[in-house]
């Protein structure tokens, strides 16, 4: 079965920013899933914002306007 994301690269990025982090075996998978859920929610909120403004396509300003609100709601 082929993996859908580079686990080694993700673990090295985590270790780069959290030098003393000790991750369990599947912690990187959970981090990746949280990241994907965040992106999905960000895209959905930006899509709603674009529709409110009467546009059919997403633009960077739609994403930028909803970014802080989505980030606040995703912090645990």
N, C-alpha and C. Protein backbone atom coordinates (compact mmCIF):
# COMPACT_ATOMS: atom_id res chain seq x y z
N UNK A 1 0.83 -1.17 0.00
CA UNK A 1 0.00 0.00 0.00
C UNK A 1 0.88 1.25 0.00
N UNK A 2 0.57 2.18 -0.86
CA UNK A 2 1.36 3.39 -0.99
C UNK A 2 0.91 4.45 0.02
N UNK A 3 1.87 5.11 0.63
CA UNK A 3 1.54 6.16 1.59
C UNK A 3 1.22 7.44 0.85
N UNK A 4 0.34 8.23 1.42
CA UNK A 4 -0.10 9.45 0.75
C UNK A 4 0.68 10.69 1.19
N UNK A 5 1.56 10.56 2.16
CA UNK A 5 2.35 11.71 2.58
C UNK A 5 3.72 11.21 3.05
N UNK A 6 4.74 12.05 2.95
CA UNK A 6 6.10 11.64 3.34
C UNK A 6 6.29 11.70 4.86
N UNK A 7 6.26 10.56 5.50
CA UNK A 7 6.35 10.52 6.96
C UNK A 7 7.71 10.99 7.46
N UNK A 8 8.77 10.61 6.76
CA UNK A 8 10.11 10.98 7.21
C UNK A 8 10.30 12.50 7.15
N UNK A 9 9.83 13.09 6.07
CA UNK A 9 9.96 14.54 5.93
C UNK A 9 9.16 15.26 7.02
N UNK A 10 7.97 14.78 7.29
CA UNK A 10 7.14 15.42 8.31
C UNK A 10 7.79 15.28 9.69
N UNK A 11 8.33 14.12 10.00
CA UNK A 11 8.99 13.94 11.29
C UNK A 11 10.20 14.85 11.42
N UNK A 12 10.94 15.04 10.33
CA UNK A 12 12.11 15.92 10.39
C UNK A 12 11.69 17.38 10.59
N UNK A 13 10.57 17.78 10.01
CA UNK A 13 10.07 19.14 10.21
C UNK A 13 9.65 19.34 11.66
N UNK A 14 8.98 18.35 12.23
CA UNK A 14 8.56 18.44 13.63
C UNK A 14 9.78 18.52 14.54
N UNK A 15 10.78 17.70 14.28
CA UNK A 15 11.99 17.71 15.11
C UNK A 15 12.76 19.02 14.96
N UNK A 16 12.66 19.64 13.79
CA UNK A 16 13.35 20.91 13.56
C UNK A 16 12.81 22.00 14.47
N UNK A 17 11.50 22.03 14.66
CA UNK A 17 10.88 23.07 15.47
C UNK A 17 10.71 22.67 16.93
N UNK A 18 10.63 21.39 17.21
CA UNK A 18 10.51 20.89 18.58
C UNK A 18 11.64 19.90 18.81
N UNK A 19 12.80 20.42 19.18
CA UNK A 19 14.00 19.58 19.26
C UNK A 19 13.90 18.46 20.30
N UNK A 20 13.21 18.70 21.39
CA UNK A 20 13.12 17.69 22.45
C UNK A 20 11.84 16.88 22.38
N UNK A 21 11.12 16.99 21.29
CA UNK A 21 9.84 16.28 21.17
C UNK A 21 10.08 14.78 21.02
N UNK A 22 9.34 14.02 21.79
CA UNK A 22 9.38 12.57 21.67
C UNK A 22 8.02 12.14 21.17
N UNK A 23 7.98 11.69 19.94
CA UNK A 23 6.71 11.33 19.31
C UNK A 23 6.47 9.83 19.40
N UNK A 24 5.23 9.49 19.60
CA UNK A 24 4.88 8.07 19.55
C UNK A 24 4.90 7.62 18.09
N UNK A 25 4.66 6.37 17.88
CA UNK A 25 4.79 5.79 16.55
C UNK A 25 3.88 6.43 15.51
N UNK A 26 2.65 6.70 15.88
CA UNK A 26 1.68 7.21 14.91
C UNK A 26 1.29 8.67 15.14
N UNK A 27 2.07 9.39 15.91
CA UNK A 27 1.74 10.79 16.18
C UNK A 27 1.81 11.63 14.92
N UNK A 28 2.73 11.31 14.03
CA UNK A 28 2.84 12.09 12.79
C UNK A 28 1.60 11.93 11.92
N UNK A 29 0.96 10.79 11.97
CA UNK A 29 -0.27 10.58 11.20
C UNK A 29 -1.38 11.47 11.76
N UNK A 30 -1.48 11.54 13.09
CA UNK A 30 -2.50 12.39 13.71
C UNK A 30 -2.26 13.87 13.41
N UNK A 31 -1.00 14.27 13.41
CA UNK A 31 -0.67 15.66 13.08
C UNK A 31 -1.07 15.95 11.64
N UNK A 32 -0.80 15.02 10.74
CA UNK A 32 -1.17 15.20 9.34
C UNK A 32 -2.68 15.28 9.17
N UNK A 33 -3.42 14.45 9.88
CA UNK A 33 -4.88 14.49 9.78
C UNK A 33 -5.45 15.81 10.31
N UNK A 34 -4.88 16.32 11.39
CA UNK A 34 -5.31 17.63 11.89
C UNK A 34 -5.03 18.72 10.87
N UNK A 35 -3.89 18.62 10.20
CA UNK A 35 -3.52 19.59 9.16
C UNK A 35 -4.51 19.54 8.00
N UNK A 36 -4.88 18.35 7.58
CA UNK A 36 -5.83 18.19 6.47
C UNK A 36 -7.21 18.73 6.87
N UNK A 37 -7.65 18.47 8.09
CA UNK A 37 -8.93 18.99 8.56
C UNK A 37 -8.92 20.52 8.62
N UNK A 38 -7.80 21.08 9.02
CA UNK A 38 -7.67 22.54 9.04
C UNK A 38 -7.79 23.11 7.63
N UNK A 39 -7.09 22.51 6.67
CA UNK A 39 -7.16 22.99 5.29
C UNK A 39 -8.56 22.85 4.71
N UNK A 40 -9.22 21.75 5.04
CA UNK A 40 -10.58 21.54 4.55
C UNK A 40 -11.53 22.60 5.10
N UNK A 41 -11.40 22.89 6.38
CA UNK A 41 -12.26 23.91 6.99
C UNK A 41 -11.95 25.30 6.45
N UNK A 42 -10.66 25.58 6.23
CA UNK A 42 -10.26 26.87 5.67
C UNK A 42 -10.83 27.04 4.27
N UNK A 43 -10.78 26.00 3.45
CA UNK A 43 -11.33 26.07 2.10
C UNK A 43 -12.84 26.26 2.13
N UNK A 44 -13.52 25.59 3.04
CA UNK A 44 -14.97 25.72 3.13
C UNK A 44 -15.37 27.13 3.55
N UNK A 45 -14.69 27.67 4.55
CA UNK A 45 -15.01 29.03 5.01
C UNK A 45 -14.69 30.07 3.94
N UNK A 46 -13.58 29.88 3.23
CA UNK A 46 -13.23 30.81 2.15
C UNK A 46 -14.23 30.73 1.01
N UNK A 47 -14.74 29.54 0.75
CA UNK A 47 -15.76 29.37 -0.29
C UNK A 47 -17.04 30.09 0.09
N UNK A 48 -17.44 29.99 1.35
CA UNK A 48 -18.63 30.70 1.82
C UNK A 48 -18.43 32.21 1.69
N UNK A 49 -17.24 32.68 2.04
CA UNK A 49 -16.94 34.11 1.94
C UNK A 49 -17.01 34.58 0.49
N UNK A 50 -16.51 33.77 -0.44
CA UNK A 50 -16.55 34.13 -1.86
C UNK A 50 -17.99 34.18 -2.35
N UNK A 51 -18.81 33.24 -1.92
CA UNK A 51 -20.22 33.25 -2.33
C UNK A 51 -20.96 34.45 -1.76
N UNK A 52 -20.61 34.85 -0.54
CA UNK A 52 -21.23 36.03 0.05
C UNK A 52 -20.90 37.29 -0.74
N UNK A 53 -19.71 37.32 -1.32
CA UNK A 53 -19.29 38.47 -2.11
C UNK A 53 -19.75 38.37 -3.56
N UNK A 54 -20.43 37.29 -3.91
CA UNK A 54 -20.96 37.13 -5.25
C UNK A 54 -19.97 36.64 -6.28
N UNK A 55 -18.90 35.99 -5.84
CA UNK A 55 -17.89 35.47 -6.76
C UNK A 55 -17.95 33.95 -6.76
N UNK A 56 -17.58 33.38 -7.89
CA UNK A 56 -17.63 31.92 -8.01
C UNK A 56 -16.28 31.26 -7.75
N UNK A 57 -15.21 32.03 -7.84
CA UNK A 57 -13.88 31.46 -7.64
C UNK A 57 -13.27 31.97 -6.35
N UNK A 58 -12.45 31.12 -5.75
CA UNK A 58 -11.73 31.51 -4.54
C UNK A 58 -10.51 32.34 -4.92
N UNK A 59 -10.27 33.37 -4.16
CA UNK A 59 -9.08 34.19 -4.36
C UNK A 59 -8.35 34.29 -3.04
N UNK A 60 -7.13 34.76 -3.11
CA UNK A 60 -6.31 34.82 -1.90
C UNK A 60 -6.91 35.73 -0.83
N UNK A 61 -7.61 36.78 -1.26
CA UNK A 61 -8.18 37.67 -0.25
C UNK A 61 -9.32 36.99 0.52
N UNK A 62 -10.02 36.05 -0.09
CA UNK A 62 -11.05 35.30 0.64
C UNK A 62 -10.41 34.42 1.71
N UNK A 63 -9.33 33.77 1.34
CA UNK A 63 -8.63 32.90 2.30
C UNK A 63 -8.04 33.74 3.43
N UNK A 64 -7.44 34.87 3.08
CA UNK A 64 -6.81 35.71 4.10
C UNK A 64 -7.81 36.29 5.09
N UNK A 65 -9.02 36.58 4.62
CA UNK A 65 -10.01 37.16 5.54
C UNK A 65 -10.54 36.15 6.55
N UNK A 66 -10.61 34.89 6.19
CA UNK A 66 -11.16 33.89 7.12
C UNK A 66 -10.06 33.12 7.86
N UNK A 67 -8.81 33.34 7.51
CA UNK A 67 -7.70 32.57 8.08
C UNK A 67 -7.63 32.68 9.60
N UNK A 68 -7.67 33.89 10.13
CA UNK A 68 -7.53 34.06 11.58
C UNK A 68 -8.68 33.44 12.35
N UNK A 69 -9.89 33.56 11.83
CA UNK A 69 -11.04 32.97 12.52
C UNK A 69 -10.97 31.45 12.54
N UNK A 70 -10.56 30.86 11.43
CA UNK A 70 -10.44 29.40 11.37
C UNK A 70 -9.31 28.93 12.28
N UNK A 71 -8.21 29.66 12.29
CA UNK A 71 -7.09 29.29 13.14
C UNK A 71 -7.47 29.36 14.61
N UNK A 72 -8.22 30.38 15.00
CA UNK A 72 -8.68 30.48 16.39
C UNK A 72 -9.60 29.32 16.77
N UNK A 73 -10.46 28.94 15.84
CA UNK A 73 -11.40 27.86 16.16
C UNK A 73 -10.72 26.49 16.19
N UNK A 74 -9.59 26.34 15.52
CA UNK A 74 -8.91 25.05 15.49
C UNK A 74 -7.90 24.87 16.61
N UNK A 75 -7.53 25.94 17.28
CA UNK A 75 -6.57 25.80 18.38
C UNK A 75 -7.24 25.09 19.54
N UNK A 76 -6.49 24.19 20.17
CA UNK A 76 -7.07 23.41 21.24
C UNK A 76 -6.62 23.82 22.53
